[in-house]
C-alpha cells in the first residue's frame, strides 16, 4: 500500500474521530483496496468492495468527510480485516 493511502487509513482510525479527512483521499483508498467505484445520482457514489456494495454521499460544499461517515467507513473496514 502506498504511503498516502496508509496515512489515509491511519486518519480513518485515529482517536478522536476526525471530521477533516478529504473525501478524495478516502475514494483513493477505496480504489487502492480494489474497489469498483461508480457514479450514482446527485453526489452519490457506489462502492463495491469485500463482496459488498455501499453508497456514499460526497460531501459538499466542504470537501471533507463528516464524523458519521468516517465512523461508518472505519467500522466497515474493520469488519473486513482492514486496519492500520
N, C-alpha and C. Protein backbone atom coordinates (compact mmCIF):
# COMPACT_ATOMS: atom_id res chain seq x y z
N UNK A 1 0.85 -1.17 0.00
CA UNK A 1 0.00 0.00 0.00
C UNK A 1 0.91 1.24 0.00
N UNK A 2 0.55 2.19 -0.82
CA UNK A 2 1.33 3.43 -0.90
C UNK A 2 1.21 4.22 0.40
N UNK A 3 2.23 5.01 0.67
CA UNK A 3 2.30 5.79 1.90
C UNK A 3 1.07 6.69 2.07
N UNK A 4 0.64 7.33 1.01
CA UNK A 4 -0.51 8.24 1.10
C UNK A 4 -1.77 7.49 1.53
N UNK A 5 -1.96 6.30 1.00
CA UNK A 5 -3.15 5.52 1.36
C UNK A 5 -3.03 4.99 2.79
N UNK A 6 -1.83 4.62 3.20
CA UNK A 6 -1.61 4.19 4.57
C UNK A 6 -1.92 5.34 5.53
N UNK A 7 -1.50 6.55 5.18
CA UNK A 7 -1.79 7.72 6.01
C UNK A 7 -3.30 7.97 6.11
N UNK A 8 -4.00 7.80 4.99
CA UNK A 8 -5.46 7.98 5.00
C UNK A 8 -6.10 6.95 5.92
N UNK A 9 -5.63 5.70 5.84
CA UNK A 9 -6.16 4.65 6.71
C UNK A 9 -5.92 5.00 8.17
N UNK A 10 -4.74 5.50 8.48
CA UNK A 10 -4.44 5.91 9.86
C UNK A 10 -5.35 7.06 10.30
N UNK A 11 -5.64 7.98 9.39
CA UNK A 11 -6.55 9.09 9.71
C UNK A 11 -7.95 8.57 10.02
N UNK A 12 -8.40 7.56 9.26
CA UNK A 12 -9.73 6.99 9.49
C UNK A 12 -9.84 6.31 10.85
N UNK A 13 -8.73 5.76 11.33
CA UNK A 13 -8.76 5.02 12.60
C UNK A 13 -8.26 5.85 13.78
N UNK A 14 -7.97 7.12 13.57
CA UNK A 14 -7.45 7.98 14.64
C UNK A 14 -8.52 8.24 15.70
N UNK A 15 -8.06 8.47 16.92
CA UNK A 15 -8.94 8.86 18.02
C UNK A 15 -8.48 10.20 18.53
N UNK A 16 -9.31 11.17 18.73
CA UNK A 16 -10.74 11.16 18.43
C UNK A 16 -10.99 11.15 16.92
N UNK A 17 -12.20 10.80 16.55
CA UNK A 17 -12.59 10.71 15.15
C UNK A 17 -12.45 12.08 14.49
N UNK A 18 -11.83 12.10 13.33
CA UNK A 18 -11.60 13.35 12.60
C UNK A 18 -12.72 13.62 11.60
N UNK A 19 -13.12 14.86 11.52
CA UNK A 19 -14.08 15.28 10.51
C UNK A 19 -13.38 16.10 9.43
N UNK A 20 -12.06 15.96 9.34
CA UNK A 20 -11.28 16.75 8.39
C UNK A 20 -10.51 15.89 7.40
N UNK A 21 -11.04 14.75 7.04
CA UNK A 21 -10.38 13.88 6.07
C UNK A 21 -10.95 14.20 4.69
N UNK A 22 -10.10 14.62 3.77
CA UNK A 22 -10.60 14.93 2.42
C UNK A 22 -11.23 13.70 1.77
N UNK A 23 -12.43 13.87 1.24
CA UNK A 23 -13.15 12.76 0.63
C UNK A 23 -12.37 12.13 -0.51
N UNK A 24 -11.64 12.93 -1.29
CA UNK A 24 -10.88 12.38 -2.41
C UNK A 24 -9.83 11.37 -1.93
N UNK A 25 -9.30 11.58 -0.73
CA UNK A 25 -8.33 10.63 -0.18
C UNK A 25 -9.01 9.31 0.20
N UNK A 26 -10.23 9.40 0.71
CA UNK A 26 -10.97 8.18 1.05
C UNK A 26 -11.30 7.40 -0.22
N UNK A 27 -11.75 8.10 -1.26
CA UNK A 27 -12.01 7.41 -2.54
C UNK A 27 -10.74 6.77 -3.07
N UNK A 28 -9.61 7.45 -2.94
CA UNK A 28 -8.33 6.90 -3.37
C UNK A 28 -7.98 5.62 -2.61
N UNK A 29 -8.26 5.61 -1.31
CA UNK A 29 -8.02 4.41 -0.51
C UNK A 29 -8.91 3.27 -0.97
N UNK A 30 -10.18 3.57 -1.22
CA UNK A 30 -11.08 2.53 -1.74
C UNK A 30 -10.52 1.92 -3.01
N UNK A 31 -10.07 2.77 -3.93
CA UNK A 31 -9.51 2.28 -5.20
C UNK A 31 -8.27 1.43 -4.95
N UNK A 32 -7.42 1.85 -4.03
CA UNK A 32 -6.20 1.10 -3.69
C UNK A 32 -6.55 -0.28 -3.14
N UNK A 33 -7.64 -0.37 -2.42
CA UNK A 33 -8.08 -1.65 -1.85
C UNK A 33 -8.78 -2.54 -2.88
N UNK A 34 -8.95 -2.01 -4.10
CA UNK A 34 -9.55 -2.81 -5.17
C UNK A 34 -11.03 -2.57 -5.39
N UNK A 35 -11.54 -1.48 -4.88
CA UNK A 35 -12.97 -1.19 -5.01
C UNK A 35 -13.34 -0.82 -6.44
N UNK A 36 -14.55 -1.15 -6.78
CA UNK A 36 -15.16 -0.71 -8.03
C UNK A 36 -16.05 0.47 -7.65
N UNK A 37 -15.73 1.65 -8.17
CA UNK A 37 -16.46 2.86 -7.80
C UNK A 37 -17.29 3.33 -8.98
N UNK A 38 -18.57 3.59 -8.73
CA UNK A 38 -19.45 4.04 -9.80
C UNK A 38 -20.19 5.31 -9.37
N UNK A 39 -20.46 6.16 -10.34
CA UNK A 39 -21.21 7.39 -10.09
C UNK A 39 -22.69 7.05 -9.98
N UNK A 40 -23.36 7.68 -9.04
CA UNK A 40 -24.79 7.50 -8.86
C UNK A 40 -25.47 8.85 -9.03
N UNK A 41 -26.76 8.92 -8.76
CA UNK A 41 -27.49 10.18 -8.89
C UNK A 41 -26.98 11.21 -7.89
N UNK A 42 -27.01 12.45 -8.29
CA UNK A 42 -26.59 13.53 -7.41
C UNK A 42 -25.12 13.42 -7.09
N UNK A 43 -24.78 13.55 -5.84
CA UNK A 43 -23.39 13.48 -5.44
C UNK A 43 -23.08 12.14 -4.76
N UNK A 44 -23.81 11.13 -5.11
CA UNK A 44 -23.60 9.82 -4.52
C UNK A 44 -22.64 8.98 -5.38
N UNK A 45 -21.92 8.08 -4.70
CA UNK A 45 -21.09 7.12 -5.41
C UNK A 45 -21.38 5.74 -4.85
N UNK A 46 -21.28 4.75 -5.71
CA UNK A 46 -21.41 3.36 -5.29
C UNK A 46 -20.02 2.77 -5.14
N UNK A 47 -19.80 2.04 -4.06
CA UNK A 47 -18.50 1.41 -3.82
C UNK A 47 -18.74 -0.08 -3.63
N UNK A 48 -18.16 -0.87 -4.50
CA UNK A 48 -18.25 -2.33 -4.38
C UNK A 48 -16.89 -2.82 -3.91
N UNK A 49 -16.87 -3.39 -2.70
CA UNK A 49 -15.64 -3.84 -2.07
C UNK A 49 -15.98 -4.91 -1.06
N UNK A 50 -15.14 -5.91 -0.92
CA UNK A 50 -15.35 -7.01 0.02
C UNK A 50 -16.62 -7.80 -0.29
N UNK A 51 -17.03 -7.82 -1.56
CA UNK A 51 -18.26 -8.51 -1.93
C UNK A 51 -19.51 -7.80 -1.43
N UNK A 52 -19.36 -6.55 -1.07
CA UNK A 52 -20.43 -5.75 -0.50
C UNK A 52 -20.54 -4.47 -1.32
N UNK A 53 -21.73 -3.89 -1.36
CA UNK A 53 -21.92 -2.63 -2.07
C UNK A 53 -22.45 -1.59 -1.09
N UNK A 54 -21.78 -0.45 -1.07
CA UNK A 54 -22.19 0.66 -0.21
C UNK A 54 -22.38 1.89 -1.07
N UNK A 55 -23.28 2.75 -0.66
CA UNK A 55 -23.49 4.02 -1.34
C UNK A 55 -23.12 5.13 -0.37
N UNK A 56 -22.26 6.02 -0.81
CA UNK A 56 -21.82 7.15 0.00
C UNK A 56 -22.19 8.45 -0.70
N UNK A 57 -22.38 9.46 0.09
CA UNK A 57 -22.71 10.78 -0.41
C UNK A 57 -21.45 11.63 -0.35
N UNK A 58 -20.99 12.13 -1.50
CA UNK A 58 -19.82 13.01 -1.49
C UNK A 58 -20.18 14.29 -0.73
N UNK A 59 -19.33 14.67 0.20
CA UNK A 59 -19.64 15.87 0.98
C UNK A 59 -19.56 17.13 0.13
N UNK A 60 -20.42 18.07 0.43
CA UNK A 60 -20.36 19.38 -0.20
C UNK A 60 -21.11 20.37 0.68
N UNK A 61 -20.78 21.60 0.76
CA UNK A 61 -19.74 22.26 -0.02
C UNK A 61 -18.33 21.96 0.49
N UNK A 62 -18.21 21.45 1.72
CA UNK A 62 -16.90 21.11 2.24
C UNK A 62 -16.37 19.85 1.54
N UNK A 63 -15.07 19.78 1.28
CA UNK A 63 -14.51 18.59 0.63
C UNK A 63 -14.20 17.47 1.63
N UNK A 64 -14.49 17.70 2.92
CA UNK A 64 -14.12 16.73 3.95
C UNK A 64 -15.29 15.87 4.39
N UNK A 65 -14.98 14.61 4.71
CA UNK A 65 -15.99 13.67 5.20
C UNK A 65 -16.35 14.05 6.64
N UNK A 66 -17.63 13.93 6.99
CA UNK A 66 -18.02 14.25 8.36
C UNK A 66 -17.76 13.05 9.27
N UNK A 67 -17.86 13.28 10.56
CA UNK A 67 -17.52 12.28 11.56
C UNK A 67 -18.37 11.00 11.41
N UNK A 68 -19.64 11.14 11.13
CA UNK A 68 -20.51 9.96 10.99
C UNK A 68 -20.07 9.05 9.85
N UNK A 69 -19.69 9.64 8.74
CA UNK A 69 -19.23 8.85 7.59
C UNK A 69 -17.91 8.18 7.93
N UNK A 70 -17.02 8.90 8.59
CA UNK A 70 -15.72 8.33 8.97
C UNK A 70 -15.92 7.11 9.87
N UNK A 71 -16.80 7.21 10.85
CA UNK A 71 -17.07 6.08 11.75
C UNK A 71 -17.65 4.91 10.97
N UNK A 72 -18.57 5.18 10.06
CA UNK A 72 -19.17 4.13 9.25
C UNK A 72 -18.12 3.41 8.40
N UNK A 73 -17.26 4.17 7.76
CA UNK A 73 -16.20 3.58 6.93
C UNK A 73 -15.23 2.79 7.79
N UNK A 74 -14.86 3.36 8.93
CA UNK A 74 -13.94 2.67 9.85
C UNK A 74 -14.51 1.31 10.25
N UNK A 75 -15.77 1.28 10.65
CA UNK A 75 -16.39 0.02 11.06
C UNK A 75 -16.45 -0.98 9.92
N UNK A 76 -16.76 -0.51 8.71
CA UNK A 76 -16.83 -1.38 7.54
C UNK A 76 -15.46 -1.98 7.24
N UNK A 77 -14.44 -1.16 7.27
CA UNK A 77 -13.08 -1.66 7.01
C UNK A 77 -12.65 -2.65 8.09
N UNK A 78 -12.92 -2.32 9.34
CA UNK A 78 -12.53 -3.20 10.45
C UNK A 78 -13.21 -4.57 10.33
N UNK A 79 -14.49 -4.58 10.02
CA UNK A 79 -15.21 -5.85 9.87
C UNK A 79 -14.63 -6.73 8.77
N UNK A 80 -13.94 -6.09 7.83
CA UNK A 80 -13.37 -6.83 6.71
C UNK A 80 -11.85 -7.00 6.82
N UNK A 81 -11.32 -6.79 8.02
CA UNK A 81 -9.92 -7.07 8.30
C UNK A 81 -8.93 -6.01 7.83
N UNK A 82 -9.41 -4.80 7.54
CA UNK A 82 -8.51 -3.73 7.11
C UNK A 82 -8.33 -2.76 8.27
N UNK A 83 -7.13 -2.70 8.81
CA UNK A 83 -6.78 -1.77 9.87
C UNK A 83 -5.36 -1.30 9.64
N UNK A 84 -5.00 -0.13 10.20
CA UNK A 84 -3.62 0.34 10.00
C UNK A 84 -2.59 -0.56 10.67
